[in-house]
């Protein structure tokens, strides 16, 4: 152990993950880990193993790899590149606020950097207290709980745990809502508020998750209503939808893709889309929303589609993260 002063605490940012490269083999490895998690797909293991390895991992990686190639940046995967920017931004903001360096670490639930990688880094730094911030504003057992499961699993063989505090969600946290609203206002200002509708598209989950008690759907509605109120929008000026459904069972509705087609068919002129549940732009926003759903809207007859980027490393987002960390580390 280093003799240097131990930090008063450290912060662990956690996001979903991304393949190590935009290649079929890397995507296959990532999907195999991601889709095998019971939190993500809770189908009986023998049946799901046959579906996953017999169908999905044989045919899907090639198509998904092409999609990743389309959104790739000079720094690699958008999700990983933006997450690194968020980590650096939060670390700098905390040092500015507290007057000392607070280590901010980054891990992914699936893929790299792994929880084990971060665990080794924490031990080298002598971290005794850790606040965990999953980058999911709305809690779901399929995302936030999966991150906690992964963290706990990584600590199973560790003889010495840090004291843990876990930020469960921030669906209506005032600074988060204000940051979202500011991003919408700036987008509207740049286009002269040429928008008939604001669509708030959240990642979907199977409807039965809500039936079983998952609070995600309720929290998405709470976020959407808070944002609409902050923007002074009337009921007919905005709509909440859910994207990225997979398989044949009912997912949370209304569906984003069907909404895009309907609004296009209605000859909507001016449509803004924001994805408040995504803290960083990724395949599900850049390819699915900005590309695929834009196409649905325009091919159906709509015009003036605008995607409002995720909060990413915007100053307001970093400020919000800093406020959350300070709030949850009182007494440390």
C-alpha atoms as a PDB file:
ATOM      1  CA  UNK A   1       0.000   0.000   0.000  1.00  0.00           C
ATOM      2  CA  UNK A   2       1.218   3.482  -0.841  1.00  0.00           C
ATOM      3  CA  UNK A   3       2.139   5.738   2.073  1.00  0.00           C
ATOM      4  CA  UNK A   4       0.388   8.694   0.477  1.00  0.00           C
ATOM      5  CA  UNK A   5      -2.702  10.142   2.154  1.00  0.00           C
ATOM      6  CA  UNK A   6      -5.857   8.120   1.631  1.00  0.00           C
ATOM      7  CA  UNK A   7      -8.747   9.999  -0.004  1.00  0.00           C
ATOM      8  CA  UNK A   8     -11.756  10.754   2.226  1.00  0.00           C
ATOM      9  CA  UNK A   9     -13.890   8.825  -0.245  1.00  0.00           C
ATOM     10  CA  UNK A  10     -14.085   7.858  -3.883  1.00  0.00           C
ATOM     11  CA  UNK A  11     -16.859   7.898  -6.478  1.00  0.00           C
ATOM     12  CA  UNK A  12     -17.719   5.043  -8.806  1.00  0.00           C
ATOM     13  CA  UNK A  13     -19.639   5.896 -11.959  1.00  0.00           C
ATOM     14  CA  UNK A  14     -21.325   2.880 -13.538  1.00  0.00           C
ATOM     15  CA  UNK A  15     -22.920   2.569 -16.947  1.00  0.00           C
ATOM     16  CA  UNK A  16     -24.158  -0.366 -19.008  1.00  0.00           C
ATOM     17  CA  UNK A  17     -21.150  -1.104 -21.196  1.00  0.00           C
ATOM     18  CA  UNK A  18     -20.084  -1.384 -24.798  1.00  0.00           C
ATOM     19  CA  UNK A  19     -18.184  -3.863 -26.982  1.00  0.00           C
ATOM     20  CA  UNK A  20     -14.399  -3.488 -26.967  1.00  0.00           C
ATOM     21  CA  UNK A  21     -14.456  -3.027 -30.749  1.00  0.00           C
ATOM     22  CA  UNK A  22     -17.083  -2.637 -33.514  1.00  0.00           C
ATOM     23  CA  UNK A  23     -16.445  -6.167 -34.777  1.00  0.00           C
ATOM     24  CA  UNK A  24     -18.758  -9.206 -34.827  1.00  0.00           C
ATOM     25  CA  UNK A  25     -16.514 -11.140 -32.444  1.00  0.00           C
ATOM     26  CA  UNK A  26     -16.323  -8.295 -29.902  1.00  0.00           C
ATOM     27  CA  UNK A  27     -20.062  -7.671 -30.154  1.00  0.00           C
ATOM     28  CA  UNK A  28     -20.772 -11.379 -29.697  1.00  0.00           C
ATOM     29  CA  UNK A  29     -18.650 -11.449 -26.527  1.00  0.00           C
ATOM     30  CA  UNK A  30     -20.417  -8.399 -25.156  1.00  0.00           C
ATOM     31  CA  UNK A  31     -23.929  -9.589 -25.992  1.00  0.00           C
ATOM     32  CA  UNK A  32     -23.228 -13.007 -24.485  1.00  0.00           C
ATOM     33  CA  UNK A  33     -22.415 -11.378 -21.135  1.00  0.00           C
ATOM     34  CA  UNK A  34     -25.153  -8.746 -21.300  1.00  0.00           C
ATOM     35  CA  UNK A  35     -28.026 -10.953 -22.436  1.00  0.00           C
ATOM     36  CA  UNK A  36     -27.166 -13.829 -20.073  1.00  0.00           C
ATOM     37  CA  UNK A  37     -27.833 -11.649 -17.019  1.00  0.00           C
ATOM     38  CA  UNK A  38     -31.110 -12.703 -15.376  1.00  0.00           C
ATOM     39  CA  UNK A  39     -31.792  -9.064 -14.577  1.00  0.00           C
ATOM     40  CA  UNK A  40     -31.886  -8.323 -18.313  1.00  0.00           C
ATOM     41  CA  UNK A  41     -33.657 -11.454 -19.558  1.00  0.00           C
ATOM     42  CA  UNK A  42     -35.389 -13.584 -16.928  1.00  0.00           C
ATOM     43  CA  UNK A  43     -36.459 -16.450 -19.185  1.00  0.00           C
ATOM     44  CA  UNK A  44     -35.737 -19.978 -17.831  1.00  0.00           C
ATOM     45  CA  UNK A  45     -32.014 -20.637 -18.329  1.00  0.00           C
ATOM     46  CA  UNK A  46     -32.145 -23.850 -20.438  1.00  0.00           C
ATOM     47  CA  UNK A  47     -34.615 -22.319 -22.901  1.00  0.00           C
ATOM     48  CA  UNK A  48     -32.828 -18.974 -22.985  1.00  0.00           C
ATOM     49  CA  UNK A  49     -29.426 -20.653 -23.509  1.00  0.00           C
ATOM     50  CA  UNK A  50     -30.786 -22.328 -26.643  1.00  0.00           C
ATOM     51  CA  UNK A  51     -32.292 -19.083 -27.955  1.00  0.00           C
ATOM     52  CA  UNK A  52     -29.248 -16.987 -27.095  1.00  0.00           C
ATOM     53  CA  UNK A  53     -26.572 -19.333 -28.459  1.00  0.00           C
ATOM     54  CA  UNK A  54     -28.621 -21.004 -31.159  1.00  0.00           C
ATOM     55  CA  UNK A  55     -30.152 -17.904 -32.719  1.00  0.00           C
ATOM     56  CA  UNK A  56     -29.210 -14.485 -31.315  1.00  0.00           C
ATOM     57  CA  UNK A  57     -25.432 -14.882 -31.044  1.00  0.00           C
ATOM     58  CA  UNK A  58     -25.270 -16.546 -34.420  1.00  0.00           C
ATOM     59  CA  UNK A  59     -27.041 -13.826 -36.400  1.00  0.00           C
ATOM     60  CA  UNK A  60     -27.181 -10.576 -34.430  1.00  0.00           C
ATOM     61  CA  UNK A  61     -23.502  -9.652 -33.819  1.00  0.00           C
ATOM     62  CA  UNK A  62     -22.768  -8.912 -37.484  1.00  0.00           C
ATOM     63  CA  UNK A  63     -25.676  -6.492 -37.830  1.00  0.00           C
ATOM     64  CA  UNK A  64     -25.029  -4.831 -34.494  1.00  0.00           C
ATOM     65  CA  UNK A  65     -21.315  -4.454 -35.320  1.00  0.00           C
ATOM     66  CA  UNK A  66     -22.245  -2.506 -38.471  1.00  0.00           C
ATOM     67  CA  UNK A  67     -24.424  -0.202 -36.376  1.00  0.00           C
ATOM     68  CA  UNK A  68     -21.548   0.420 -33.963  1.00  0.00           C
ATOM     69  CA  UNK A  69     -19.277   1.234 -36.900  1.00  0.00           C
ATOM     70  CA  UNK A  70     -21.715   3.975 -37.939  1.00  0.00           C
ATOM     71  CA  UNK A  71     -21.600   5.758 -34.562  1.00  0.00           C
ATOM     72  CA  UNK A  72     -17.901   5.251 -33.817  1.00  0.00           C
ATOM     73  CA  UNK A  73     -15.933   8.374 -32.858  1.00  0.00           C
ATOM     74  CA  UNK A  74     -12.201   9.136 -32.949  1.00  0.00           C
ATOM     75  CA  UNK A  75     -12.158   8.158 -29.256  1.00  0.00           C
ATOM     76  CA  UNK A  76     -14.009   4.885 -29.928  1.00  0.00           C
ATOM     77  CA  UNK A  77     -17.456   3.951 -28.670  1.00  0.00           C
ATOM     78  CA  UNK A  78     -19.538   7.066 -27.882  1.00  0.00           C
ATOM     79  CA  UNK A  79     -20.730   5.642 -24.561  1.00  0.00           C
ATOM     80  CA  UNK A  80     -17.213   4.884 -23.329  1.00  0.00           C
ATOM     81  CA  UNK A  81     -15.717   8.128 -24.656  1.00  0.00           C
ATOM     82  CA  UNK A  82     -18.447  10.259 -23.051  1.00  0.00           C
ATOM     83  CA  UNK A  83     -18.269   8.287 -19.797  1.00  0.00           C
ATOM     84  CA  UNK A  84     -14.550   9.061 -19.589  1.00  0.00           C
ATOM     85  CA  UNK A  85     -15.321  12.746 -20.132  1.00  0.00           C
ATOM     86  CA  UNK A  86     -17.916  12.615 -17.356  1.00  0.00           C
ATOM     87  CA  UNK A  87     -15.444  10.941 -15.021  1.00  0.00           C
ATOM     88  CA  UNK A  88     -12.780  13.571 -15.657  1.00  0.00           C
ATOM     89  CA  UNK A  89     -15.294  16.412 -15.419  1.00  0.00           C
ATOM     90  CA  UNK A  90     -16.717  15.221 -12.112  1.00  0.00           C
ATOM     91  CA  UNK A  91     -13.274  14.656 -10.614  1.00  0.00           C
ATOM     92  CA  UNK A  92     -12.231  18.201 -11.535  1.00  0.00           C
ATOM     93  CA  UNK A  93     -15.492  19.658 -10.205  1.00  0.00           C
ATOM     94  CA  UNK A  94     -15.194  17.840  -6.882  1.00  0.00           C
ATOM     95  CA  UNK A  95     -11.602  18.996  -6.437  1.00  0.00           C
ATOM     96  CA  UNK A  96     -12.677  22.560  -7.189  1.00  0.00           C
ATOM     97  CA  UNK A  97     -15.496  22.313  -4.637  1.00  0.00           C
ATOM     98  CA  UNK A  98     -13.796  20.368  -1.835  1.00  0.00           C
ATOM     99  CA  UNK A  99     -10.242  21.594  -2.243  1.00  0.00           C
ATOM    100  CA  UNK A 100      -8.757  18.091  -2.505  1.00  0.00           C
ATOM    101  CA  UNK A 101      -8.659  15.366  -5.099  1.00  0.00           C
ATOM    102  CA  UNK A 102     -11.481  12.863  -4.858  1.00  0.00           C
ATOM    103  CA  UNK A 103     -10.861   9.806  -7.054  1.00  0.00           C
ATOM    104  CA  UNK A 104     -13.659   9.260  -9.557  1.00  0.00           C
ATOM    105  CA  UNK A 105     -13.588   5.791 -11.081  1.00  0.00           C
ATOM    106  CA  UNK A 106     -15.485   4.344 -14.024  1.00  0.00           C
ATOM    107  CA  UNK A 107     -16.804   0.819 -14.474  1.00  0.00           C
ATOM    108  CA  UNK A 108     -19.239  -0.900 -16.780  1.00  0.00           C
ATOM    109  CA  UNK A 109     -21.746  -3.539 -15.729  1.00  0.00           C
ATOM    110  CA  UNK A 110     -20.750  -5.519 -18.823  1.00  0.00           C
ATOM    111  CA  UNK A 111     -17.447  -5.332 -20.688  1.00  0.00           C
ATOM    112  CA  UNK A 112     -14.571  -2.978 -19.916  1.00  0.00           C
ATOM    113  CA  UNK A 113     -13.516  -1.338 -17.698  1.00  0.00           C
ATOM    114  CA  UNK A 114     -14.788  -4.052 -15.375  1.00  0.00           C
ATOM    115  CA  UNK A 115     -15.689  -3.862 -11.702  1.00  0.00           C
ATOM    116  CA  UNK A 116     -12.629  -5.995 -10.948  1.00  0.00           C
ATOM    117  CA  UNK A 117     -10.383  -3.520 -12.769  1.00  0.00           C
ATOM    118  CA  UNK A 118     -11.803  -0.696 -10.666  1.00  0.00           C
ATOM    119  CA  UNK A 119     -11.520  -2.762  -7.496  1.00  0.00           C
ATOM    120  CA  UNK A 120      -7.763  -3.147  -8.010  1.00  0.00           C
ATOM    121  CA  UNK A 121      -7.478   0.582  -8.628  1.00  0.00           C
ATOM    122  CA  UNK A 122      -9.380   1.345  -5.408  1.00  0.00           C
ATOM    123  CA  UNK A 123      -7.109  -0.891  -3.363  1.00  0.00           C
ATOM    124  CA  UNK A 124      -4.037   0.871  -4.778  1.00  0.00           C
ATOM    125  CA  UNK A 125      -5.552   4.227  -3.801  1.00  0.00           C
ATOM    126  CA  UNK A 126      -6.485   3.026  -0.317  1.00  0.00           C
ATOM    127  CA  UNK A 127     -10.177   3.796  -0.752  1.00  0.00           C
ATOM    128  CA  UNK A 128     -12.154   3.101   2.449  1.00  0.00           C
ATOM    129  CA  UNK A 129     -15.425   4.839   1.545  1.00  0.00           C
ATOM    130  CA  UNK A 130     -17.165   4.601  -1.826  1.00  0.00           C
ATOM    131  CA  UNK A 131     -20.283   6.258  -3.204  1.00  0.00           C
ATOM    132  CA  UNK A 132     -21.684   4.473  -6.260  1.00  0.00           C
ATOM    133  CA  UNK A 133     -23.514   6.495  -8.898  1.00  0.00           C
ATOM    134  CA  UNK A 134     -25.167   4.343 -11.587  1.00  0.00           C
ATOM    135  CA  UNK A 135     -25.757   6.602 -14.583  1.00  0.00           C
ATOM    136  CA  UNK A 136     -29.437   5.671 -14.821  1.00  0.00           C
ATOM    137  CA  UNK A 137     -31.747   8.492 -13.707  1.00  0.00           C
ATOM    138  CA  UNK A 138     -34.683   6.085 -13.354  1.00  0.00           C
ATOM    139  CA  UNK A 139     -34.290   2.882 -11.339  1.00  0.00           C
ATOM    140  CA  UNK A 140     -34.946  -0.461 -13.014  1.00  0.00           C
ATOM    141  CA  UNK A 141     -34.098  -3.954 -11.878  1.00  0.00           C
ATOM    142  CA  UNK A 142     -32.694  -4.517 -15.385  1.00  0.00           C
ATOM    143  CA  UNK A 143     -30.142  -1.687 -15.151  1.00  0.00           C
ATOM    144  CA  UNK A 144     -29.520  -0.181 -11.708  1.00  0.00           C
ATOM    145  CA  UNK A 145     -30.047  -3.419  -9.794  1.00  0.00           C
ATOM    146  CA  UNK A 146     -27.888  -5.262 -12.337  1.00  0.00           C
ATOM    147  CA  UNK A 147     -25.080  -2.774 -11.656  1.00  0.00           C
ATOM    148  CA  UNK A 148     -25.348  -3.409  -7.920  1.00  0.00           C
ATOM    149  CA  UNK A 149     -25.364  -7.184  -8.493  1.00  0.00           C
ATOM    150  CA  UNK A 150     -22.211  -6.863 -10.567  1.00  0.00           C
ATOM    151  CA  UNK A 151     -20.491  -4.746  -7.943  1.00  0.00           C
ATOM    152  CA  UNK A 152     -21.416  -7.202  -5.185  1.00  0.00           C
ATOM    153  CA  UNK A 153     -20.178 -10.135  -7.276  1.00  0.00           C
ATOM    154  CA  UNK A 154     -16.851  -8.396  -7.848  1.00  0.00           C
ATOM    155  CA  UNK A 155     -16.411  -8.021  -4.077  1.00  0.00           C
ATOM    156  CA  UNK A 156     -17.113 -11.674  -3.215  1.00  0.00           C
ATOM    157  CA  UNK A 157     -13.437 -12.598  -3.020  1.00  0.00           C
ATOM    158  CA  UNK A 158     -12.341  -9.302  -1.512  1.00  0.00           C
ATOM    159  CA  UNK A 159     -11.416  -9.661   2.183  1.00  0.00           C
ATOM    160  CA  UNK A 160     -11.776  -5.935   2.867  1.00  0.00           C
ATOM    161  CA  UNK A 161     -14.772  -3.966   1.590  1.00  0.00           C
ATOM    162  CA  UNK A 162     -15.039  -0.194   1.505  1.00  0.00           C
ATOM    163  CA  UNK A 163     -18.016   1.424   3.207  1.00  0.00           C
ATOM    164  CA  UNK A 164     -20.640   1.732   0.473  1.00  0.00           C
ATOM    165  CA  UNK A 165     -23.334   4.262  -0.313  1.00  0.00           C
ATOM    166  CA  UNK A 166     -25.457   3.618  -3.378  1.00  0.00           C
ATOM    167  CA  UNK A 167     -27.402   6.328  -5.227  1.00  0.00           C
ATOM    168  CA  UNK A 168     -30.534   4.486  -6.338  1.00  0.00           C
ATOM    169  CA  UNK A 169     -32.003   7.033  -8.763  1.00  0.00           C
ATOM    170  CA  UNK A 170     -32.439  10.735  -9.479  1.00  0.00           C
ATOM    171  CA  UNK A 171     -35.559  10.720 -11.660  1.00  0.00           C
ATOM    172  CA  UNK A 172     -36.903  14.062 -10.404  1.00  0.00           C
ATOM    173  CA  UNK A 173     -33.746  15.541  -8.876  1.00  0.00           C
ATOM    174  CA  UNK A 174     -34.117  19.303  -9.489  1.00  0.00           C
ATOM    175  CA  UNK A 175     -30.649  19.808 -11.012  1.00  0.00           C
ATOM    176  CA  UNK A 176     -31.260  16.903 -13.414  1.00  0.00           C
ATOM    177  CA  UNK A 177     -34.595  18.327 -14.565  1.00  0.00           C
ATOM    178  CA  UNK A 178     -33.076  21.791 -14.961  1.00  0.00           C
ATOM    179  CA  UNK A 179     -30.199  20.365 -17.029  1.00  0.00           C
ATOM    180  CA  UNK A 180     -32.631  18.550 -19.320  1.00  0.00           C
ATOM    181  CA  UNK A 181     -34.741  21.676 -19.706  1.00  0.00           C
ATOM    182  CA  UNK A 182     -31.716  23.809 -20.555  1.00  0.00           C
ATOM    183  CA  UNK A 183     -30.650  21.348 -23.259  1.00  0.00           C
ATOM    184  CA  UNK A 184     -34.143  21.535 -24.775  1.00  0.00           C
ATOM    185  CA  UNK A 185     -34.221  25.336 -24.633  1.00  0.00           C
ATOM    186  CA  UNK A 186     -30.824  25.606 -26.304  1.00  0.00           C
ATOM    187  CA  UNK A 187     -31.937  23.260 -29.063  1.00  0.00           C
ATOM    188  CA  UNK A 188     -35.133  25.212 -29.613  1.00  0.00           C
ATOM    189  CA  UNK A 189     -33.247  28.503 -29.603  1.00  0.00           C
ATOM    190  CA  UNK A 190     -30.924  27.220 -32.313  1.00  0.00           C
ATOM    191  CA  UNK A 191     -33.877  26.234 -34.500  1.00  0.00           C
ATOM    192  CA  UNK A 192     -36.187  29.122 -33.605  1.00  0.00           C
ATOM    193  CA  UNK A 193     -38.505  26.861 -31.510  1.00  0.00           C
ATOM    194  CA  UNK A 194     -39.687  25.269 -34.744  1.00  0.00           C
ATOM    195  CA  UNK A 195     -41.181  22.288 -32.942  1.00  0.00           C
ATOM    196  CA  UNK A 196     -44.794  21.177 -32.802  1.00  0.00           C
ATOM    197  CA  UNK A 197     -44.039  18.281 -30.484  1.00  0.00           C
ATOM    198  CA  UNK A 198     -41.437  17.243 -27.923  1.00  0.00           C
ATOM    199  CA  UNK A 199     -41.081  13.473 -27.685  1.00  0.00           C
ATOM    200  CA  UNK A 200     -39.447  12.123 -24.515  1.00  0.00           C
ATOM    201  CA  UNK A 201     -38.262   8.638 -25.457  1.00  0.00           C
ATOM    202  CA  UNK A 202     -37.154   6.277 -22.682  1.00  0.00           C
ATOM    203  CA  UNK A 203     -35.650   2.810 -23.029  1.00  0.00           C
ATOM    204  CA  UNK A 204     -38.395   0.214 -22.732  1.00  0.00           C
ATOM    205  CA  UNK A 205     -38.713  -2.847 -20.515  1.00  0.00           C
ATOM    206  CA  UNK A 206     -41.239  -5.696 -20.647  1.00  0.00           C
ATOM    207  CA  UNK A 207     -44.634  -4.679 -19.262  1.00  0.00           C
ATOM    208  CA  UNK A 208     -44.599  -7.583 -16.810  1.00  0.00           C
ATOM    209  CA  UNK A 209     -41.611  -6.036 -15.018  1.00  0.00           C
ATOM    210  CA  UNK A 210     -43.907  -3.187 -13.979  1.00  0.00           C
ATOM    211  CA  UNK A 211     -46.592  -5.677 -12.992  1.00  0.00           C
ATOM    212  CA  UNK A 212     -44.051  -7.402 -10.726  1.00  0.00           C
ATOM    213  CA  UNK A 213     -43.229  -4.108  -8.993  1.00  0.00           C
ATOM    214  CA  UNK A 214     -40.379  -2.490 -10.946  1.00  0.00           C
ATOM    215  CA  UNK A 215     -40.748   1.308 -10.389  1.00  0.00           C
ATOM    216  CA  UNK A 216     -39.152   2.237 -13.717  1.00  0.00           C
ATOM    217  CA  UNK A 217     -42.334   3.114 -15.633  1.00  0.00           C
ATOM    218  CA  UNK A 218     -43.608   5.293 -12.785  1.00  0.00           C
ATOM    219  CA  UNK A 219     -40.275   7.084 -12.543  1.00  0.00           C
ATOM    220  CA  UNK A 220     -40.150   7.717 -16.298  1.00  0.00           C
ATOM    221  CA  UNK A 221     -43.560   9.392 -16.091  1.00  0.00           C
ATOM    222  CA  UNK A 222     -42.372  11.427 -13.098  1.00  0.00           C
ATOM    223  CA  UNK A 223     -39.334  12.642 -15.059  1.00  0.00           C
ATOM    224  CA  UNK A 224     -41.415  13.480 -18.132  1.00  0.00           C
ATOM    225  CA  UNK A 225     -44.012  15.399 -16.141  1.00  0.00           C
ATOM    226  CA  UNK A 226     -41.335  17.315 -14.243  1.00  0.00           C
ATOM    227  CA  UNK A 227     -39.560  18.259 -17.479  1.00  0.00           C
ATOM    228  CA  UNK A 228     -42.816  19.326 -19.151  1.00  0.00           C
ATOM    229  CA  UNK A 229     -43.619  21.496 -16.122  1.00  0.00           C
ATOM    230  CA  UNK A 230     -40.136  23.039 -16.149  1.00  0.00           C
ATOM    231  CA  UNK A 231     -40.602  23.896 -19.849  1.00  0.00           C
ATOM    232  CA  UNK A 232     -44.188  25.145 -19.332  1.00  0.00           C
ATOM    233  CA  UNK A 233     -45.515  22.730 -21.941  1.00  0.00           C
ATOM    234  CA  UNK A 234     -49.219  22.134 -22.406  1.00  0.00           C
ATOM    235  CA  UNK A 235     -50.516  18.550 -22.503  1.00  0.00           C
ATOM    236  CA  UNK A 236     -50.704  18.442 -26.297  1.00  0.00           C
ATOM    237  CA  UNK A 237     -47.168  19.729 -26.798  1.00  0.00           C
ATOM    238  CA  UNK A 238     -45.282  16.688 -25.528  1.00  0.00           C
ATOM    239  CA  UNK A 239     -45.491  12.929 -25.337  1.00  0.00           C
ATOM    240  CA  UNK A 240     -43.689  10.130 -23.484  1.00  0.00           C
ATOM    241  CA  UNK A 241     -42.719   7.010 -25.454  1.00  0.00           C
ATOM    242  CA  UNK A 242     -40.612   3.863 -24.996  1.00  0.00           C
ATOM    243  CA  UNK A 243     -37.989   2.562 -27.427  1.00  0.00           C
ATOM    244  CA  UNK A 244     -35.781  -0.484 -28.017  1.00  0.00           C
ATOM    245  CA  UNK A 245     -38.281  -3.272 -27.468  1.00  0.00           C
ATOM    246  CA  UNK A 246     -37.035  -6.781 -28.117  1.00  0.00           C
ATOM    247  CA  UNK A 247     -38.919 -10.043 -28.622  1.00  0.00           C
ATOM    248  CA  UNK A 248     -42.645 -10.680 -28.940  1.00  0.00           C
ATOM    249  CA  UNK A 249     -44.044  -9.956 -25.481  1.00  0.00           C
ATOM    250  CA  UNK A 250     -45.647  -6.566 -24.683  1.00  0.00           C
ATOM    251  CA  UNK A 251     -43.252  -3.859 -23.554  1.00  0.00           C
ATOM    252  CA  UNK A 252     -44.032  -0.465 -22.045  1.00  0.00           C
ATOM    253  CA  UNK A 253     -46.132   1.655 -24.378  1.00  0.00           C
ATOM    254  CA  UNK A 254     -46.595   3.805 -26.375  1.00  0.00           C
ATOM    255  CA  UNK A 255     -43.759   2.605 -28.608  1.00  0.00           C
ATOM    256  CA  UNK A 256     -41.408   5.247 -30.006  1.00  0.00           C
ATOM    257  CA  UNK A 257     -41.212   3.801 -33.523  1.00  0.00           C
ATOM    258  CA  UNK A 258     -44.995   3.571 -33.907  1.00  0.00           C
ATOM    259  CA  UNK A 259     -45.358   7.110 -32.558  1.00  0.00           C
ATOM    260  CA  UNK A 260     -42.846   8.390 -35.125  1.00  0.00           C
ATOM    261  CA  UNK A 261     -44.784   6.782 -37.956  1.00  0.00           C
ATOM    262  CA  UNK A 262     -48.085   8.181 -36.702  1.00  0.00           C
ATOM    263  CA  UNK A 263     -46.703  11.710 -36.289  1.00  0.00           C
ATOM    264  CA  UNK A 264     -45.136  11.506 -39.736  1.00  0.00           C
ATOM    265  CA  UNK A 265     -48.416  10.360 -41.266  1.00  0.00           C
ATOM    266  CA  UNK A 266     -50.105  13.334 -39.575  1.00  0.00           C
ATOM    267  CA  UNK A 267     -47.672  15.600 -41.506  1.00  0.00           C
ATOM    268  CA  UNK A 268     -46.114  16.971 -38.342  1.00  0.00           C
ATOM    269  CA  UNK A 269     -43.787  19.873 -39.123  1.00  0.00           C
ATOM    270  CA  UNK A 270     -41.165  20.207 -36.418  1.00  0.00           C
ATOM    271  CA  UNK A 271     -40.470  17.346 -34.036  1.00  0.00           C
ATOM    272  CA  UNK A 272     -37.897  17.353 -31.234  1.00  0.00           C
ATOM    273  CA  UNK A 273     -36.864  14.099 -29.568  1.00  0.00           C
ATOM    274  CA  UNK A 274     -34.975  13.811 -26.290  1.00  0.00           C
ATOM    275  CA  UNK A 275     -33.991  10.626 -24.427  1.00  0.00           C
ATOM    276  CA  UNK A 276     -33.977  11.640 -20.731  1.00  0.00           C
ATOM    277  CA  UNK A 277     -33.143   8.147 -19.473  1.00  0.00           C
ATOM    278  CA  UNK A 278     -29.763   8.061 -21.220  1.00  0.00           C
ATOM    279  CA  UNK A 279     -26.982   9.925 -19.418  1.00  0.00           C
ATOM    280  CA  UNK A 280     -24.658   9.497 -22.414  1.00  0.00           C
ATOM    281  CA  UNK A 281     -25.300   9.111 -26.113  1.00  0.00           C
ATOM    282  CA  UNK A 282     -24.886   5.565 -27.340  1.00  0.00           C
ATOM    283  CA  UNK A 283     -26.139   3.155 -29.995  1.00  0.00           C
ATOM    284  CA  UNK A 284     -29.729   3.405 -28.722  1.00  0.00           C
ATOM    285  CA  UNK A 285     -29.799   7.183 -29.185  1.00  0.00           C
ATOM    286  CA  UNK A 286     -27.467   7.854 -32.099  1.00  0.00           C
ATOM    287  CA  UNK A 287     -28.419   4.949 -34.341  1.00  0.00           C
ATOM    288  CA  UNK A 288     -31.899   4.038 -33.172  1.00  0.00           C
ATOM    289  CA  UNK A 289     -33.341   7.515 -32.574  1.00  0.00           C
ATOM    290  CA  UNK A 290     -31.312   9.969 -34.646  1.00  0.00           C
ATOM    291  CA  UNK A 291     -31.088   7.621 -37.640  1.00  0.00           C
ATOM    292  CA  UNK A 292     -33.705   4.851 -37.640  1.00  0.00           C
ATOM    293  CA  UNK A 293     -36.627   6.697 -36.037  1.00  0.00           C
ATOM    294  CA  UNK A 294     -35.881   9.873 -37.962  1.00  0.00           C
ATOM    295  CA  UNK A 295     -36.305   7.741 -41.084  1.00  0.00           C
ATOM    296  CA  UNK A 296     -39.647   6.358 -39.857  1.00  0.00           C
ATOM    297  CA  UNK A 297     -40.887   9.897 -39.244  1.00  0.00           C
ATOM    298  CA  UNK A 298     -39.717  11.386 -42.521  1.00  0.00           C
ATOM    299  CA  UNK A 299     -40.750   8.459 -44.717  1.00  0.00           C
ATOM    300  CA  UNK A 300     -44.249   8.676 -43.253  1.00  0.00           C
ATOM    301  CA  UNK A 301     -44.477  12.344 -44.275  1.00  0.00           C
ATOM    302  CA  UNK A 302     -43.106  14.341 -41.338  1.00  0.00           C
ATOM    303  CA  UNK A 303     -40.569  17.175 -41.616  1.00  0.00           C
ATOM    304  CA  UNK A 304     -38.217  19.011 -39.271  1.00  0.00           C
ATOM    305  CA  UNK A 305     -36.893  16.185 -37.082  1.00  0.00           C
ATOM    306  CA  UNK A 306     -34.383  17.222 -34.391  1.00  0.00           C
ATOM    307  CA  UNK A 307     -32.644  14.901 -31.958  1.00  0.00           C
ATOM    308  CA  UNK A 308     -31.606  16.663 -28.736  1.00  0.00           C
ATOM    309  CA  UNK A 309     -28.388  14.986 -27.507  1.00  0.00           C
ATOM    310  CA  UNK A 310     -28.098  13.348 -24.104  1.00  0.00           C
ATOM    311  CA  UNK A 311     -26.682  15.470 -21.287  1.00  0.00           C
ATOM    312  CA  UNK A 312     -23.275  13.827 -21.831  1.00  0.00           C
ATOM    313  CA  UNK A 313     -20.533  16.035 -20.353  1.00  0.00           C
ATOM    314  CA  UNK A 314     -22.494  19.294 -20.400  1.00  0.00           C
ATOM    315  CA  UNK A 315     -21.502  21.597 -17.486  1.00  0.00           C
ATOM    316  CA  UNK A 316     -25.025  21.390 -16.041  1.00  0.00           C
ATOM    317  CA  UNK A 317     -24.789  17.600 -16.009  1.00  0.00           C
ATOM    318  CA  UNK A 318     -21.410  17.578 -14.272  1.00  0.00           C
ATOM    319  CA  UNK A 319     -22.771  20.088 -11.747  1.00  0.00           C
ATOM    320  CA  UNK A 320     -25.749  17.836 -11.071  1.00  0.00           C
ATOM    321  CA  UNK A 321     -23.498  14.828 -10.543  1.00  0.00           C
ATOM    322  CA  UNK A 322     -21.349  16.818  -8.130  1.00  0.00           C
ATOM    323  CA  UNK A 323     -24.435  17.879  -6.147  1.00  0.00           C
ATOM    324  CA  UNK A 324     -25.612  14.277  -5.907  1.00  0.00           C
ATOM    325  CA  UNK A 325     -22.217  13.092  -4.671  1.00  0.00           C
ATOM    326  CA  UNK A 326     -21.929  15.856  -2.066  1.00  0.00           C
ATOM    327  CA  UNK A 327     -25.446  15.112  -0.833  1.00  0.00           C
ATOM    328  CA  UNK A 328     -24.782  11.380  -0.489  1.00  0.00           C
ATOM    329  CA  UNK A 329     -21.394  11.719   1.219  1.00  0.00           C
ATOM    330  CA  UNK A 330     -22.463  13.863   4.157  1.00  0.00           C
ATOM    331  CA  UNK A 331     -20.517  12.835   7.257  1.00  0.00           C
ATOM    332  CA  UNK A 332     -17.573  11.454   5.289  1.00  0.00           C
END
